[in-house]
Amino acid sequence: MSAHAFATAGLAHCPFMPVFGPPQVMFERGAGTELWDVDGRRYLDFLSGLAVTSLGHAHPVVATAIAEQAATLLHVSNFFANPVATRAAIALDRLLTEATGRSGQVFFTNSGAEANECALKLARKHGGRGRHVVVSALGSFHGRTLATLAATGQPTKHEPFQPMPEGFRHVAWGDLDALSRAVDGSVAAVLIEPVQGEGGVHPAPPGYLAGIRRLCDEVGALLIVDEIQTGLGRTGRWFGFEHDRVSPDVVTLAKALGNGMPVGACWARRDVAAVFEPGDHGSTYSGTAIATAAVDAVLGELRRIDAPALAAARGAELTAALLGLDGVAAIRGRGLLVAAELDGHEAPAVYHRLLADGLVVNAVTPTALRFAPPITVSSAEIAEAVDLIARALR
């Protein structure tokens, strides 16, 4: 499909660097949970661009906000303010203030990796010289820049790029004793995901985040929660950390924040954010009007539909239906971020079969499929997807 698509576009080879492997399909349009490829074939999207299009494709409220903003003001330098970025920052801070009990400040970025970069720099400056170490979990994923890759607890991803930046420690996921041994006076922050998404969709064990909060408080380290894949309703709460009733110092977001518009954010409680001074951090496109128009529209629409309640309800439907299938050994995850552990099947082979049958998921591990459909997915679409999975497993 990919070779044909590039050939029909008049290209002798793929114009993209080979970091994602050969594209399997070329999509040209979408609406809600549906996608269509260049040959006009329909698919159900149960991956949402990796938990990005939580409101579905081509959502009219978001599309209108972007279009109107494109005709009004795209970008000005950060030497100046613009109304949309200001509204978006206030809306995001309000949501996080409700969840944490503390008000904060926002730095908008272009991606999740950049949001984590901001958090890492903030933690280092907050800790001061000699207190720069960041502890994260094995199996985690925090980004592809050198610093966020160093924070990512997947050593095989480090090897091609050695030597990695210093100041990062990795401990076993879910093991508070191991974390306690790693957190000492040199540690500026602990960086953790409420659910390890790329690591295989593994929710934090009960009490894990609360235990990390206590450890950070004991040594004066920051708790940074990476909500890039879990945030904004996907787990059945506005933020994944709410399942453990903790209040982080720093929260990073992206993916669903723009519903497809490239945008991320680093939020920190005000006293932590105050350590940054002019010139400490920046980005040409931080808070650009076109991206934050999408953010403002997305946050308003997620509130309107009560995204957490919807994700919890649809997630329960999807989980129950998947558990009823022969060939599914277990389900793990929260809300509408779940993985199906397969019994007697190789996940990559099932993924390819499902794609051929018109269902987009991904093989998050060799034995598990990941599902992250739009929060707006219907019960009928869940039933249709589960039927395709049942046939593939047969």
Protein backbone atom coordinates (compact mmCIF):
# COMPACT_ATOMS: atom_id res chain seq x y z
CA MET A 1 0.00 0.00 0.00
CA SER A 2 2.67 2.48 0.98
CA ALA A 3 4.86 1.88 -2.08
CA HIS A 4 1.79 2.18 -4.31
CA ALA A 5 0.69 5.37 -2.60
CA PHE A 6 4.08 7.04 -2.96
CA ALA A 7 4.40 5.84 -6.56
CA THR A 8 1.01 7.24 -7.52
CA ALA A 9 2.11 10.54 -5.99
CA GLY A 10 4.98 10.57 -8.50
CA LEU A 11 7.67 9.63 -5.96
CA ALA A 12 10.31 6.96 -6.48
CA HIS A 13 10.88 6.52 -2.75
CA CYS A 14 9.44 7.49 0.61
CA PRO A 15 10.34 11.15 1.33
CA PHE A 16 10.44 10.62 5.11
CA MET A 17 13.39 9.54 7.24
CA PRO A 18 13.00 5.86 8.16
CA VAL A 19 12.40 6.30 11.88
CA PHE A 20 8.85 4.88 11.89
CA GLY A 21 9.30 2.04 9.40
CA PRO A 22 7.37 1.78 6.13
CA PRO A 23 3.90 3.38 6.41
CA GLN A 24 1.21 0.68 6.25
CA VAL A 25 -1.64 2.90 5.04
CA MET A 26 -2.00 6.43 3.69
CA PHE A 27 -4.99 8.13 5.34
CA GLU A 28 -6.48 11.25 3.79
CA ARG A 29 -9.51 12.16 5.91
CA GLY A 30 -11.31 11.38 9.14
CA ALA A 31 -14.54 12.10 11.00
CA GLY A 32 -15.14 11.10 14.60
CA THR A 33 -13.88 7.54 15.10
CA GLU A 34 -13.68 6.88 11.35
CA LEU A 35 -10.77 7.21 8.91
CA TRP A 36 -10.58 6.79 5.14
CA ASP A 37 -7.47 5.94 3.14
CA VAL A 38 -6.51 7.29 -0.28
CA ASP A 39 -8.38 4.41 -1.92
CA GLY A 40 -11.60 5.37 -0.13
CA ARG A 41 -11.54 2.46 2.34
CA ARG A 42 -13.10 3.04 5.78
CA TYR A 43 -11.40 2.18 9.09
CA LEU A 44 -12.34 2.46 12.75
CA ASP A 45 -9.64 4.33 14.66
CA PHE A 46 -9.11 2.75 18.07
CA LEU A 47 -5.68 4.32 18.54
CA SER A 48 -6.51 8.04 18.10
CA GLY A 49 -3.05 8.87 16.77
CA LEU A 50 -1.65 7.46 20.04
CA ALA A 51 -4.26 8.93 22.41
CA VAL A 52 -4.30 12.29 20.63
CA THR A 53 -7.69 12.74 18.94
CA SER A 54 -9.74 12.25 22.10
CA LEU A 55 -12.60 14.28 20.58
CA GLY A 56 -12.39 12.34 17.32
CA HIS A 57 -11.19 13.43 13.91
CA ALA A 58 -12.25 16.76 12.39
CA HIS A 59 -14.23 17.77 15.47
CA PRO A 60 -16.33 20.75 14.31
CA VAL A 61 -15.73 22.90 17.41
CA VAL A 62 -11.96 22.46 17.22
CA ALA A 63 -11.86 22.78 13.43
CA THR A 64 -13.84 26.02 13.56
CA ALA A 65 -11.61 27.47 16.29
CA ILE A 66 -8.47 26.70 14.28
CA ALA A 67 -9.93 28.06 11.03
CA GLU A 68 -11.17 31.28 12.61
CA GLN A 69 -7.87 31.81 14.38
CA ALA A 70 -5.91 31.15 11.16
CA ALA A 71 -7.84 34.01 9.58
CA THR A 72 -7.26 36.29 12.58
CA LEU A 73 -3.76 35.86 14.03
CA LEU A 74 -1.37 32.92 13.71
CA HIS A 75 1.65 34.01 15.71
CA VAL A 76 3.38 36.84 17.50
CA SER A 77 6.62 36.84 19.42
CA ASN A 78 6.55 35.95 23.11
CA PHE A 79 7.65 39.52 23.74
CA PHE A 80 3.87 40.09 23.51
CA ALA A 81 0.71 38.42 24.77
CA ASN A 82 -2.25 37.20 22.74
CA PRO A 83 -5.81 36.63 23.97
CA VAL A 84 -6.17 32.97 22.98
CA ALA A 85 -3.00 31.77 24.71
CA THR A 86 -4.06 33.66 27.82
CA ARG A 87 -7.51 32.04 27.80
CA ALA A 88 -6.02 28.60 27.23
CA ALA A 89 -3.49 28.99 30.06
CA ILE A 90 -6.21 30.14 32.47
CA ALA A 91 -8.46 27.22 31.47
CA LEU A 92 -5.66 24.68 31.88
CA ASP A 93 -4.56 26.11 35.23
CA ARG A 94 -8.16 26.07 36.45
CA LEU A 95 -8.45 22.38 35.58
CA LEU A 96 -5.20 21.54 37.36
CA THR A 97 -6.01 23.74 40.35
CA GLU A 98 -9.25 21.79 40.78
CA ALA A 99 -7.32 18.50 40.60
CA THR A 100 -4.34 19.46 42.80
CA GLY A 101 -5.76 22.08 45.15
CA ARG A 102 -2.95 24.48 44.18
CA SER A 103 -2.80 27.14 41.49
CA GLY A 104 0.08 27.22 39.06
CA GLN A 105 1.53 28.62 35.87
CA VAL A 106 1.82 27.18 32.38
CA PHE A 107 4.52 27.00 29.71
CA PHE A 108 3.15 25.94 26.31
CA THR A 109 5.33 23.74 24.10
CA ASN A 110 5.11 22.09 20.69
CA SER A 111 5.16 18.49 21.95
CA GLY A 112 5.16 16.20 24.96
CA ALA A 113 8.93 15.74 24.84
CA GLU A 114 9.35 19.51 25.04
CA ALA A 115 6.93 19.66 27.97
CA ASN A 116 9.11 17.13 29.78
CA GLU A 117 12.27 19.05 28.81
CA CYS A 118 10.76 22.11 30.47
CA ALA A 119 9.95 20.07 33.58
CA LEU A 120 13.49 18.66 33.76
CA LYS A 121 15.07 22.11 33.50
CA LEU A 122 12.65 23.46 36.09
CA ALA A 123 13.55 20.60 38.46
CA ARG A 124 17.28 21.19 38.02
CA LYS A 125 17.00 24.89 38.71
CA HIS A 126 14.69 24.26 41.66
CA GLY A 127 17.14 21.73 43.11
CA GLY A 128 20.21 23.88 42.57
CA ARG A 129 23.82 22.91 41.88
CA GLY A 130 24.64 19.43 43.12
CA ARG A 131 20.98 18.45 43.25
CA HIS A 132 20.14 17.65 39.65
CA VAL A 133 19.35 13.91 39.56
CA VAL A 134 15.95 12.81 38.21
CA VAL A 135 14.63 9.35 39.08
CA SER A 136 12.19 7.56 36.77
CA ALA A 137 10.92 4.03 36.27
CA LEU A 138 12.12 1.19 34.09
CA GLY A 139 9.66 0.70 31.24
CA SER A 140 8.76 4.39 31.20
CA PHE A 141 8.63 6.62 28.14
CA HIS A 142 9.15 10.38 28.40
CA GLY A 143 10.27 11.52 24.93
CA ARG A 144 12.86 11.39 22.17
CA THR A 145 15.06 14.40 22.87
CA LEU A 146 18.37 13.46 24.48
CA ALA A 147 17.33 14.51 27.98
CA THR A 148 13.85 12.97 27.84
CA LEU A 149 15.30 9.83 26.25
CA ALA A 150 17.77 9.64 29.13
CA ALA A 151 14.83 9.88 31.52
CA THR A 152 13.05 7.10 29.61
CA GLY A 153 13.59 3.79 31.37
CA GLN A 154 14.28 1.71 28.24
CA PRO A 155 18.05 1.09 27.95
CA THR A 156 17.82 -0.42 24.46
CA LYS A 157 16.60 2.95 23.18
CA HIS A 158 19.69 4.62 24.70
CA GLU A 159 22.32 2.47 22.99
CA PRO A 160 22.48 4.13 19.54
CA PHE A 161 22.96 7.55 21.16
CA GLN A 162 25.51 6.92 23.91
CA PRO A 163 26.87 8.67 25.84
CA MET A 164 23.57 9.85 27.30
CA PRO A 165 23.20 13.01 29.42
CA GLU A 166 24.07 12.39 33.04
CA GLY A 167 21.85 12.77 36.08
CA PHE A 168 19.19 10.09 35.49
CA ARG A 169 18.42 7.00 37.56
CA HIS A 170 15.96 4.23 36.77
CA VAL A 171 14.27 1.93 39.25
CA ALA A 172 11.86 -0.97 38.95
CA TRP A 173 8.30 0.10 38.14
CA GLY A 174 5.92 -0.15 41.08
CA ASP A 175 8.67 -0.89 43.64
CA LEU A 176 8.59 1.74 46.39
CA ASP A 177 11.52 0.14 48.23
CA ALA A 178 13.72 0.46 45.14
CA LEU A 179 12.62 4.05 44.72
CA SER A 180 13.36 4.82 48.37
CA ARG A 181 16.92 3.56 47.91
CA ALA A 182 17.37 5.76 44.84
CA VAL A 183 15.95 9.00 46.26
CA ASP A 184 18.62 10.83 48.25
CA GLY A 185 19.88 14.38 48.72
CA SER A 186 21.14 14.57 45.13
CA VAL A 187 17.66 14.03 43.68
CA ALA A 188 15.84 17.06 42.27
CA ALA A 189 12.71 15.21 41.16
CA VAL A 190 10.92 11.95 40.53
CA LEU A 191 9.34 11.75 37.07
CA ILE A 192 6.55 9.18 36.79
CA GLU A 193 3.61 8.14 34.59
CA PRO A 194 0.28 7.20 36.21
CA VAL A 195 -0.03 4.50 33.53
CA GLN A 196 3.00 3.35 31.56
CA GLY A 197 1.59 3.76 28.07
CA GLU A 198 4.43 2.88 25.70
CA GLY A 199 5.72 0.45 28.31
CA GLY A 200 2.69 -1.79 27.74
CA VAL A 201 -0.26 0.01 29.44
CA HIS A 202 0.61 -0.76 33.06
CA PRO A 203 -1.32 1.30 35.66
CA ALA A 204 0.54 2.36 38.78
CA PRO A 205 -0.19 -0.07 41.62
CA PRO A 206 -2.57 1.29 44.30
CA GLY A 207 -0.71 3.59 46.68
CA TYR A 208 2.38 3.84 44.44
CA LEU A 209 2.00 7.52 43.53
CA ALA A 210 1.06 8.37 47.12
CA GLY A 211 4.23 6.61 48.30
CA ILE A 212 6.31 8.59 45.81
CA ARG A 213 4.70 11.80 47.07
CA ARG A 214 5.78 10.93 50.63
CA LEU A 215 9.35 10.13 49.54
CA CYS A 216 9.61 13.42 47.64
CA ASP A 217 8.32 15.35 50.64
CA GLU A 218 10.86 13.67 52.94
CA VAL A 219 13.86 14.80 50.86
CA GLY A 220 12.42 18.01 49.36
CA ALA A 221 12.32 16.68 45.78
CA LEU A 222 9.67 17.59 43.22
CA LEU A 223 7.05 15.11 42.05
CA ILE A 224 6.64 15.46 38.27
CA VAL A 225 3.74 13.50 36.77
CA ASP A 226 3.88 12.81 33.04
CA GLU A 227 0.24 12.97 31.94
CA ILE A 228 1.05 13.21 28.23
CA GLN A 229 -0.84 10.02 27.36
CA THR A 230 -3.14 9.78 30.38
CA GLY A 231 -4.29 13.35 30.94
CA LEU A 232 -7.51 15.16 30.10
CA GLY A 233 -10.06 12.51 30.91
CA ARG A 234 -8.70 9.40 29.21
CA THR A 235 -8.35 7.27 32.35
CA GLY A 236 -11.79 8.11 33.72
CA ARG A 237 -10.48 11.04 35.78
CA TRP A 238 -9.22 14.37 34.46
CA PHE A 239 -5.69 13.26 35.34
CA GLY A 240 -4.21 9.87 36.09
CA PHE A 241 -2.71 11.04 39.37
CA GLU A 242 -6.22 11.59 40.73
CA HIS A 243 -6.73 7.82 41.02
CA ASP A 244 -4.15 7.85 43.84
CA ARG A 245 -5.36 11.18 45.30
CA VAL A 246 -1.97 12.87 45.12
CA SER A 247 -1.05 16.46 44.35
CA PRO A 248 2.01 16.73 42.07
CA ASP A 249 4.31 19.74 41.90
CA VAL A 250 4.69 19.64 38.11
CA VAL A 251 2.43 18.11 35.44
CA THR A 252 3.25 17.65 31.75
CA LEU A 253 0.63 17.37 29.02
CA ALA A 254 0.36 17.07 25.24
CA LYS A 255 -1.43 14.60 22.90
CA ALA A 256 -5.16 15.23 23.65
CA LEU A 257 -4.44 18.87 24.52
CA GLY A 258 -4.72 19.94 20.87
CA ASN A 259 -6.76 17.03 19.45
CA GLY A 260 -4.18 16.77 16.67
CA MET A 261 -2.75 20.27 16.73
CA PRO A 262 0.92 19.92 17.82
CA VAL A 263 0.95 21.43 21.31
CA GLY A 264 2.03 20.50 24.82
CA ALA A 265 2.25 22.16 28.20
CA CYS A 266 4.25 22.08 31.40
CA TRP A 267 2.28 23.20 34.46
CA ALA A 268 3.92 23.84 37.82
CA ARG A 269 2.59 25.14 41.09
CA ARG A 270 3.36 28.85 41.36
CA ASP A 271 6.21 28.70 43.87
CA VAL A 272 8.01 26.10 41.74
CA ALA A 273 7.41 27.98 38.46
CA ALA A 274 8.82 31.11 40.14
CA VAL A 275 12.38 29.74 40.02
CA PHE A 276 12.44 30.38 36.25
CA GLU A 277 13.67 33.84 35.27
CA PRO A 278 13.66 35.58 31.88
CA GLY A 279 16.04 33.73 29.58
CA ASP A 280 16.00 30.43 31.53
CA HIS A 281 13.70 28.74 29.04
CA GLY A 282 11.80 29.53 25.88
CA SER A 283 10.45 28.46 22.51
CA THR A 284 9.62 30.45 19.41
CA TYR A 285 6.22 28.81 19.20
CA SER A 286 5.37 28.70 22.90
CA GLY A 287 1.78 29.83 23.25
CA THR A 288 1.38 30.65 19.58
CA ALA A 289 -2.17 31.78 18.81
CA ILE A 290 -3.07 29.05 16.32
CA ALA A 291 -2.09 26.17 18.65
CA THR A 292 -3.69 27.64 21.75
CA ALA A 293 -6.92 28.30 19.86
CA ALA A 294 -7.13 24.51 19.56
CA VAL A 295 -6.27 24.09 23.27
CA ASP A 296 -8.98 26.52 24.36
CA ALA A 297 -11.57 24.79 22.19
CA VAL A 298 -10.50 21.29 23.29
CA LEU A 299 -10.63 22.09 27.01
CA GLY A 300 -14.06 23.67 26.68
CA GLU A 301 -15.44 20.73 24.73
CA LEU A 302 -13.94 18.12 27.08
CA ARG A 303 -15.65 19.86 29.98
CA ARG A 304 -18.93 20.10 28.08
CA ILE A 305 -19.10 16.36 27.41
CA ASP A 306 -17.72 15.43 30.88
CA ALA A 307 -14.85 13.52 29.28
CA PRO A 308 -13.80 11.58 32.42
CA ALA A 309 -17.29 10.15 32.98
CA LEU A 310 -17.62 9.27 29.31
CA ALA A 311 -14.20 7.58 29.22
CA ALA A 312 -15.02 5.58 32.34
CA ALA A 313 -18.35 4.38 30.91
CA ARG A 314 -17.07 3.53 27.43
CA GLY A 315 -13.91 2.02 28.90
CA ALA A 316 -16.01 -0.33 31.04
CA GLU A 317 -17.95 -1.37 27.92
CA LEU A 318 -14.79 -2.02 25.92
CA THR A 319 -13.10 -3.91 28.76
CA ALA A 320 -16.10 -6.18 29.38
CA ALA A 321 -16.48 -6.94 25.67
CA LEU A 322 -12.78 -7.73 25.21
CA LEU A 323 -12.73 -9.99 28.27
CA GLY A 324 -15.48 -12.06 26.67
CA LEU A 325 -13.34 -12.99 23.68
CA ASP A 326 -11.54 -16.30 23.26
CA GLY A 327 -7.86 -15.52 22.89
CA VAL A 328 -7.86 -12.59 25.35
CA ALA A 329 -6.20 -13.61 28.60
CA ALA A 330 -6.45 -10.33 30.52
CA ILE A 331 -7.18 -6.61 30.23
CA ARG A 332 -5.19 -3.91 31.97
CA GLY A 333 -5.41 -0.14 31.94
CA ARG A 334 -7.84 2.56 32.98
CA GLY A 335 -10.77 4.18 31.23
CA LEU A 336 -10.17 4.26 27.49
CA LEU A 337 -6.46 3.44 27.70
CA VAL A 338 -6.35 -0.34 27.83
CA ALA A 339 -4.26 -3.27 26.64
CA ALA A 340 -5.50 -6.76 25.83
CA GLU A 341 -3.01 -9.46 26.76
CA LEU A 342 -3.41 -12.20 24.17
CA ASP A 343 -3.34 -15.94 24.82
CA GLY A 344 -1.71 -17.98 22.07
CA HIS A 345 -1.47 -15.12 19.57
CA GLU A 346 1.35 -12.80 18.49
CA ALA A 347 0.17 -9.21 18.83
CA PRO A 348 1.97 -7.89 15.68
CA ALA A 349 0.26 -10.54 13.54
CA VAL A 350 -3.15 -9.71 15.00
CA TYR A 351 -2.48 -5.98 14.52
CA HIS A 352 -1.74 -6.51 10.80
CA ARG A 353 -4.86 -8.64 10.37
CA LEU A 354 -7.01 -6.00 12.09
CA LEU A 355 -5.55 -3.24 9.94
CA ALA A 356 -6.38 -5.27 6.83
CA ASP A 357 -9.92 -5.68 8.18
CA GLY A 358 -10.31 -1.95 8.87
CA LEU A 359 -9.48 -1.50 12.57
CA VAL A 360 -6.57 0.66 13.76
CA VAL A 361 -4.91 -0.46 17.02
CA ASN A 362 -1.26 -1.19 17.81
CA ALA A 363 0.88 -4.00 19.17
CA VAL A 364 2.25 -2.26 22.27
CA THR A 365 4.19 -5.40 23.27
CA PRO A 366 4.79 -8.72 21.45
CA THR A 367 1.76 -10.19 23.26
CA ALA A 368 -0.56 -7.21 23.85
CA LEU A 369 -2.72 -4.88 21.78
CA ARG A 370 -3.31 -1.28 22.88
CA PHE A 371 -6.67 0.45 22.53
CA ALA A 372 -7.16 4.22 22.91
CA PRO A 373 -10.24 5.17 20.88
CA PRO A 374 -11.68 8.67 20.96
CA ILE A 375 -13.51 9.43 24.20
CA THR A 376 -16.48 10.19 21.92
CA VAL A 377 -16.55 6.59 20.61
CA SER A 378 -20.06 5.13 20.48
CA SER A 379 -21.30 1.83 21.90
CA ALA A 380 -22.07 0.70 18.34
CA GLU A 381 -18.49 1.43 17.28
CA ILE A 382 -17.14 -0.53 20.25
CA ALA A 383 -19.35 -3.49 19.28
CA GLU A 384 -18.16 -3.28 15.66
CA ALA A 385 -14.49 -3.17 16.73
CA VAL A 386 -14.86 -6.09 19.14
CA ASP A 387 -16.51 -8.15 16.40
CA LEU A 388 -13.50 -7.50 14.12
CA ILE A 389 -11.15 -8.52 16.94
CA ALA A 390 -13.11 -11.71 17.59
CA ARG A 391 -12.86 -12.65 13.92
CA ALA A 392 -9.14 -11.88 13.83
CA LEU A 393 -8.49 -14.04 16.87
CA ARG A 394 -10.48 -16.89 15.35
